[in-house]
């Protein structure tokens, strides 16, 4: 999907029953949608444009993303502060990510988040973890693969 389609899906997810003009006004004034806008720019931007938009995302919202992540349509960031999304993360459609969530690398692997997943505040999901469609990750969760220390 291109940038416009992705961002419109985010606006539509936030305001499904609003008129187009109301959606436009809310997209301009809503900080959650502003964060989605910058996340989408990072997602689709090549080269140094990515780093420019990433800096804006960090400065305005305290959100950090790594180059190469993918997020499906209908992203929701209700409280867009302190989110970290690693470069290899794959997030499905219609997902909600609350504040201070980290989706990161462990042992060279990134998590895969299914469709219609909600990740509540202060959760950490790292490594080769797959969250199935429709699941809820409770606040203050820490999810990482179990590493077999005897094998090392």
C-alpha atoms as a PDB file:
ATOM      1  CA  UNK A   1       0.000   0.000   0.000  1.00  0.00           C
ATOM      2  CA  UNK A   2       1.108   3.548  -0.593  1.00  0.00           C
ATOM      3  CA  UNK A   3       1.366   6.341   1.972  1.00  0.00           C
ATOM      4  CA  UNK A   4      -2.023   7.917   1.230  1.00  0.00           C
ATOM      5  CA  UNK A   5      -3.874   4.598   1.459  1.00  0.00           C
ATOM      6  CA  UNK A   6      -2.136   3.684   4.700  1.00  0.00           C
ATOM      7  CA  UNK A   7      -2.756   7.032   6.379  1.00  0.00           C
ATOM      8  CA  UNK A   8      -6.367   7.171   5.189  1.00  0.00           C
ATOM      9  CA  UNK A   9      -6.901   3.723   6.720  1.00  0.00           C
ATOM     10  CA  UNK A  10      -5.586   5.085  10.031  1.00  0.00           C
ATOM     11  CA  UNK A  11      -7.979   8.054   9.878  1.00  0.00           C
ATOM     12  CA  UNK A  12     -10.846   5.756   8.911  1.00  0.00           C
ATOM     13  CA  UNK A  13     -10.076   3.443  11.846  1.00  0.00           C
ATOM     14  CA  UNK A  14     -10.093   6.405  14.235  1.00  0.00           C
ATOM     15  CA  UNK A  15     -13.248   8.059  12.861  1.00  0.00           C
ATOM     16  CA  UNK A  16     -15.299   5.539  10.850  1.00  0.00           C
ATOM     17  CA  UNK A  17     -18.590   7.460  11.006  1.00  0.00           C
ATOM     18  CA  UNK A  18     -17.347  11.027  10.477  1.00  0.00           C
ATOM     19  CA  UNK A  19     -17.787  12.966   7.240  1.00  0.00           C
ATOM     20  CA  UNK A  20     -14.730  13.517   5.038  1.00  0.00           C
ATOM     21  CA  UNK A  21     -14.362  17.150   6.135  1.00  0.00           C
ATOM     22  CA  UNK A  22     -14.542  16.164   9.823  1.00  0.00           C
ATOM     23  CA  UNK A  23     -11.962  13.458   9.222  1.00  0.00           C
ATOM     24  CA  UNK A  24      -9.665  16.025   7.610  1.00  0.00           C
ATOM     25  CA  UNK A  25     -10.049  18.460  10.524  1.00  0.00           C
ATOM     26  CA  UNK A  26      -9.439  15.718  13.067  1.00  0.00           C
ATOM     27  CA  UNK A  27      -6.436  14.399  11.128  1.00  0.00           C
ATOM     28  CA  UNK A  28      -4.860  17.842  11.329  1.00  0.00           C
ATOM     29  CA  UNK A  29      -5.622  18.427  15.018  1.00  0.00           C
ATOM     30  CA  UNK A  30      -5.372  14.950  16.590  1.00  0.00           C
ATOM     31  CA  UNK A  31      -1.918  14.149  18.005  1.00  0.00           C
ATOM     32  CA  UNK A  32      -2.526  10.398  17.619  1.00  0.00           C
ATOM     33  CA  UNK A  33      -3.131  10.820  13.899  1.00  0.00           C
ATOM     34  CA  UNK A  34      -0.168  13.199  13.646  1.00  0.00           C
ATOM     35  CA  UNK A  35       1.993  10.397  15.072  1.00  0.00           C
ATOM     36  CA  UNK A  36       0.458   7.891  12.620  1.00  0.00           C
ATOM     37  CA  UNK A  37       1.200  10.327   9.788  1.00  0.00           C
ATOM     38  CA  UNK A  38       4.893  10.458  10.704  1.00  0.00           C
ATOM     39  CA  UNK A  39       5.082   6.690  11.300  1.00  0.00           C
ATOM     40  CA  UNK A  40       3.643   6.139   7.820  1.00  0.00           C
ATOM     41  CA  UNK A  41       6.124   8.583   6.299  1.00  0.00           C
ATOM     42  CA  UNK A  42       8.939   6.620   7.959  1.00  0.00           C
ATOM     43  CA  UNK A  43       7.473   3.355   6.740  1.00  0.00           C
ATOM     44  CA  UNK A  44       7.406   4.330   3.064  1.00  0.00           C
ATOM     45  CA  UNK A  45      10.336   6.759   2.801  1.00  0.00           C
ATOM     46  CA  UNK A  46      13.589   5.792   1.135  1.00  0.00           C
ATOM     47  CA  UNK A  47      17.099   6.744   2.195  1.00  0.00           C
ATOM     48  CA  UNK A  48      17.730   9.960   4.040  1.00  0.00           C
ATOM     49  CA  UNK A  49      14.035  10.929   3.975  1.00  0.00           C
ATOM     50  CA  UNK A  50      13.461   8.126   6.488  1.00  0.00           C
ATOM     51  CA  UNK A  51      15.990   9.646   8.875  1.00  0.00           C
ATOM     52  CA  UNK A  52      14.447  13.119   8.532  1.00  0.00           C
ATOM     53  CA  UNK A  53      10.927  11.834   9.322  1.00  0.00           C
ATOM     54  CA  UNK A  54      12.298   9.637  12.108  1.00  0.00           C
ATOM     55  CA  UNK A  55      13.867  12.692  13.757  1.00  0.00           C
ATOM     56  CA  UNK A  56      10.536  14.518  13.567  1.00  0.00           C
ATOM     57  CA  UNK A  57       8.768  11.502  15.054  1.00  0.00           C
ATOM     58  CA  UNK A  58      11.252  11.390  17.941  1.00  0.00           C
ATOM     59  CA  UNK A  59      11.095  15.157  18.520  1.00  0.00           C
ATOM     60  CA  UNK A  60       7.305  15.499  18.440  1.00  0.00           C
ATOM     61  CA  UNK A  61       6.165  12.209  19.976  1.00  0.00           C
ATOM     62  CA  UNK A  62       9.123  10.401  21.516  1.00  0.00           C
ATOM     63  CA  UNK A  63       8.483   7.505  19.133  1.00  0.00           C
ATOM     64  CA  UNK A  64      11.453   5.722  17.579  1.00  0.00           C
ATOM     65  CA  UNK A  65      11.284   3.380  14.607  1.00  0.00           C
ATOM     66  CA  UNK A  66      13.916   1.351  12.818  1.00  0.00           C
ATOM     67  CA  UNK A  67      14.281   1.309   9.063  1.00  0.00           C
ATOM     68  CA  UNK A  68      12.444  -1.592   7.444  1.00  0.00           C
ATOM     69  CA  UNK A  69       9.472  -2.137   9.781  1.00  0.00           C
ATOM     70  CA  UNK A  70       6.034  -2.788   8.291  1.00  0.00           C
ATOM     71  CA  UNK A  71       2.619  -1.975   9.719  1.00  0.00           C
ATOM     72  CA  UNK A  72      -0.639  -2.906   8.001  1.00  0.00           C
ATOM     73  CA  UNK A  73      -3.606  -0.606   7.484  1.00  0.00           C
ATOM     74  CA  UNK A  74      -5.679   0.820  10.335  1.00  0.00           C
ATOM     75  CA  UNK A  75      -2.934   1.683  12.848  1.00  0.00           C
ATOM     76  CA  UNK A  76      -4.073   3.279  16.113  1.00  0.00           C
ATOM     77  CA  UNK A  77      -1.728   5.045  18.546  1.00  0.00           C
ATOM     78  CA  UNK A  78      -4.098   6.314  21.281  1.00  0.00           C
ATOM     79  CA  UNK A  79      -1.341   7.837  23.454  1.00  0.00           C
ATOM     80  CA  UNK A  80       1.590   8.278  21.073  1.00  0.00           C
ATOM     81  CA  UNK A  81       4.519   8.632  23.458  1.00  0.00           C
ATOM     82  CA  UNK A  82       7.481   6.373  24.046  1.00  0.00           C
ATOM     83  CA  UNK A  83       6.746   3.697  21.444  1.00  0.00           C
ATOM     84  CA  UNK A  84       9.724   1.852  19.937  1.00  0.00           C
ATOM     85  CA  UNK A  85       9.334  -0.284  16.807  1.00  0.00           C
ATOM     86  CA  UNK A  86      12.411  -2.124  15.606  1.00  0.00           C
ATOM     87  CA  UNK A  87      13.389  -2.273  11.969  1.00  0.00           C
ATOM     88  CA  UNK A  88      12.457  -5.901  11.396  1.00  0.00           C
ATOM     89  CA  UNK A  89       9.063  -5.803  13.111  1.00  0.00           C
ATOM     90  CA  UNK A  90       5.961  -6.875  11.233  1.00  0.00           C
ATOM     91  CA  UNK A  91       2.634  -5.545  12.542  1.00  0.00           C
ATOM     92  CA  UNK A  92      -0.676  -6.591  10.999  1.00  0.00           C
ATOM     93  CA  UNK A  93      -3.788  -4.591  10.148  1.00  0.00           C
ATOM     94  CA  UNK A  94      -6.075  -2.788  12.610  1.00  0.00           C
ATOM     95  CA  UNK A  95      -3.605  -2.904  15.484  1.00  0.00           C
ATOM     96  CA  UNK A  96      -3.605  -0.606  18.489  1.00  0.00           C
ATOM     97  CA  UNK A  97      -0.344   0.239  20.227  1.00  0.00           C
ATOM     98  CA  UNK A  98      -0.502   2.209  23.482  1.00  0.00           C
ATOM     99  CA  UNK A  99       2.219   4.336  25.079  1.00  0.00           C
ATOM    100  CA  UNK A 100       5.638   3.038  26.091  1.00  0.00           C
ATOM    101  CA  UNK A 101       5.444  -0.174  24.060  1.00  0.00           C
ATOM    102  CA  UNK A 102       8.656  -1.687  22.725  1.00  0.00           C
ATOM    103  CA  UNK A 103       8.711  -4.078  19.779  1.00  0.00           C
ATOM    104  CA  UNK A 104      12.361  -4.985  19.458  1.00  0.00           C
ATOM    105  CA  UNK A 105      15.138  -7.337  18.527  1.00  0.00           C
ATOM    106  CA  UNK A 106      16.506 -10.233  20.560  1.00  0.00           C
ATOM    107  CA  UNK A 107      19.078 -12.661  19.182  1.00  0.00           C
ATOM    108  CA  UNK A 108      18.734 -11.071  15.738  1.00  0.00           C
ATOM    109  CA  UNK A 109      14.971 -11.720  15.478  1.00  0.00           C
ATOM    110  CA  UNK A 110      11.969  -9.384  15.630  1.00  0.00           C
ATOM    111  CA  UNK A 111       8.364  -9.996  16.695  1.00  0.00           C
ATOM    112  CA  UNK A 112       5.465 -10.567  14.324  1.00  0.00           C
ATOM    113  CA  UNK A 113       2.169  -9.074  15.425  1.00  0.00           C
ATOM    114  CA  UNK A 114      -1.052 -10.379  13.867  1.00  0.00           C
ATOM    115  CA  UNK A 115      -4.164  -8.471  12.782  1.00  0.00           C
ATOM    116  CA  UNK A 116      -6.579  -6.835  15.255  1.00  0.00           C
ATOM    117  CA  UNK A 117      -4.067  -6.999  18.112  1.00  0.00           C
ATOM    118  CA  UNK A 118      -4.096  -4.515  21.007  1.00  0.00           C
ATOM    119  CA  UNK A 119      -0.855  -3.951  22.917  1.00  0.00           C
ATOM    120  CA  UNK A 120      -1.510  -2.152  26.187  1.00  0.00           C
ATOM    121  CA  UNK A 121       0.899   0.319  27.888  1.00  0.00           C
ATOM    122  CA  UNK A 122       4.436  -0.461  29.001  1.00  0.00           C
ATOM    123  CA  UNK A 123       4.618  -3.818  27.233  1.00  0.00           C
ATOM    124  CA  UNK A 124       7.820  -5.201  25.770  1.00  0.00           C
ATOM    125  CA  UNK A 125       7.787  -7.784  22.985  1.00  0.00           C
ATOM    126  CA  UNK A 126      11.215  -8.810  21.720  1.00  0.00           C
ATOM    127  CA  UNK A 127      12.701 -11.541  19.621  1.00  0.00           C
ATOM    128  CA  UNK A 128      11.133 -14.366  17.686  1.00  0.00           C
ATOM    129  CA  UNK A 129       7.635 -13.982  19.174  1.00  0.00           C
ATOM    130  CA  UNK A 130       4.415 -14.215  17.198  1.00  0.00           C
ATOM    131  CA  UNK A 131       1.226 -12.645  18.549  1.00  0.00           C
ATOM    132  CA  UNK A 132      -1.798 -14.283  16.850  1.00  0.00           C
ATOM    133  CA  UNK A 133      -4.690 -12.362  15.314  1.00  0.00           C
ATOM    134  CA  UNK A 134      -7.139 -10.792  17.749  1.00  0.00           C
ATOM    135  CA  UNK A 135      -5.001 -11.200  20.871  1.00  0.00           C
ATOM    136  CA  UNK A 136      -4.574  -8.649  23.656  1.00  0.00           C
ATOM    137  CA  UNK A 137      -1.194  -8.068  25.274  1.00  0.00           C
ATOM    138  CA  UNK A 138      -1.779  -6.912  28.839  1.00  0.00           C
ATOM    139  CA  UNK A 139      -0.147  -3.820  30.295  1.00  0.00           C
ATOM    140  CA  UNK A 140       3.327  -4.311  31.775  1.00  0.00           C
ATOM    141  CA  UNK A 141       3.879  -7.574  29.848  1.00  0.00           C
ATOM    142  CA  UNK A 142       7.322  -8.791  28.894  1.00  0.00           C
ATOM    143  CA  UNK A 143       7.320 -11.335  26.070  1.00  0.00           C
ATOM    144  CA  UNK A 144      10.531 -12.875  24.808  1.00  0.00           C
ATOM    145  CA  UNK A 145      11.479 -16.312  23.544  1.00  0.00           C
ATOM    146  CA  UNK A 146      12.829 -18.762  26.076  1.00  0.00           C
ATOM    147  CA  UNK A 147      16.476 -19.278  25.349  1.00  0.00           C
ATOM    148  CA  UNK A 148      17.950 -22.689  26.029  1.00  0.00           C
ATOM    149  CA  UNK A 149      21.149 -21.803  27.928  1.00  0.00           C
ATOM    150  CA  UNK A 150      22.362 -25.431  27.974  1.00  0.00           C
ATOM    151  CA  UNK A 151      22.793 -25.318  24.200  1.00  0.00           C
ATOM    152  CA  UNK A 152      25.412 -22.554  24.475  1.00  0.00           C
END
